[in-house]
Amino acid sequence: MIVDKMKYELAMANARMSRKDLYEKGIARGTLTNIYRGKDLLPKTVGAIALALGVRAEDIVKVP
């Protein structure tokens, strides 16, 4: 699954969180970097990011 950078950043803004906050919630720094590189993430990983941000996974992924 590819995370849409704009949707992801909007979710971060709405949650008033930074990348550091996500890291502190257990999201690996490499995973956060992979979002910006447009790399494919496992559904479980996208779910963890969404949970940390308080949104649904479909709210942050790219839709083909």
Protein backbone atom coordinates (compact mmCIF):
# COMPACT_ATOMS: atom_id res chain seq x y z
CA MET A 1 0.00 0.00 0.00
CA ILE A 2 1.26 3.46 -0.87
CA VAL A 3 0.59 6.25 1.63
CA ASP A 4 -0.51 9.51 0.04
CA LYS A 5 1.94 12.10 1.38
CA MET A 6 -0.57 14.95 1.35
CA LYS A 7 -3.27 12.94 3.15
CA TYR A 8 -0.67 11.69 5.62
CA GLU A 9 0.58 15.20 6.36
CA LEU A 10 -2.98 16.48 6.76
CA ALA A 11 -3.70 13.66 9.22
CA MET A 12 -0.53 14.58 11.12
CA ALA A 13 -1.61 18.23 11.20
CA ASN A 14 -5.11 17.34 12.41
CA ALA A 15 -3.65 15.10 15.12
CA ARG A 16 -1.10 17.82 15.99
CA MET A 17 1.69 15.28 15.66
CA SER A 18 5.16 15.29 14.19
CA ARG A 19 7.30 12.48 12.79
CA LYS A 20 8.99 12.37 16.18
CA ASP A 21 5.62 11.79 17.86
CA LEU A 22 4.91 8.88 15.53
CA TYR A 23 8.34 7.44 16.23
CA GLU A 24 7.62 7.65 19.95
CA LYS A 25 4.37 5.75 19.33
CA GLY A 26 6.35 2.87 17.86
CA ILE A 27 6.49 3.68 14.13
CA ALA A 28 10.02 3.01 12.83
CA ARG A 29 11.95 5.95 11.42
CA GLY A 30 12.68 3.95 8.28
CA THR A 31 8.96 3.45 7.74
CA LEU A 32 8.34 7.17 8.03
CA THR A 33 11.12 7.80 5.52
CA ASN A 34 9.61 5.23 3.17
CA ILE A 35 6.36 7.20 3.13
CA TYR A 36 8.19 10.21 1.69
CA ARG A 37 10.02 8.00 -0.80
CA GLY A 38 6.71 6.63 -2.06
CA LYS A 39 7.56 3.05 -1.15
CA ASP A 40 5.04 0.26 -0.74
CA LEU A 41 4.15 -0.52 2.90
CA LEU A 42 2.52 -3.59 4.39
CA PRO A 43 -1.17 -3.20 5.27
CA LYS A 44 -0.31 -3.90 8.93
CA THR A 45 2.15 -1.00 8.90
CA VAL A 46 -0.35 1.38 7.30
CA GLY A 47 -2.87 0.30 9.94
CA ALA A 48 -0.42 1.08 12.73
CA ILE A 49 0.29 4.53 11.30
CA ALA A 50 -3.42 5.24 10.92
CA LEU A 51 -4.11 4.09 14.47
CA ALA A 52 -1.34 6.33 15.81
CA LEU A 53 -2.84 9.27 13.91
CA GLY A 54 -6.42 8.47 14.93
CA VAL A 55 -7.68 8.00 11.36
CA ARG A 56 -8.78 5.08 9.19
CA ALA A 57 -6.18 3.47 6.92
CA GLU A 58 -8.22 4.40 3.85
CA ASP A 59 -7.91 8.05 4.88
CA ILE A 60 -4.15 8.07 4.23
CA VAL A 61 -3.54 5.67 1.32
CA LYS A 62 -3.36 6.50 -2.36
CA VAL A 63 -6.32 5.29 -4.34
CA PRO A 64 -5.42 4.18 -7.87
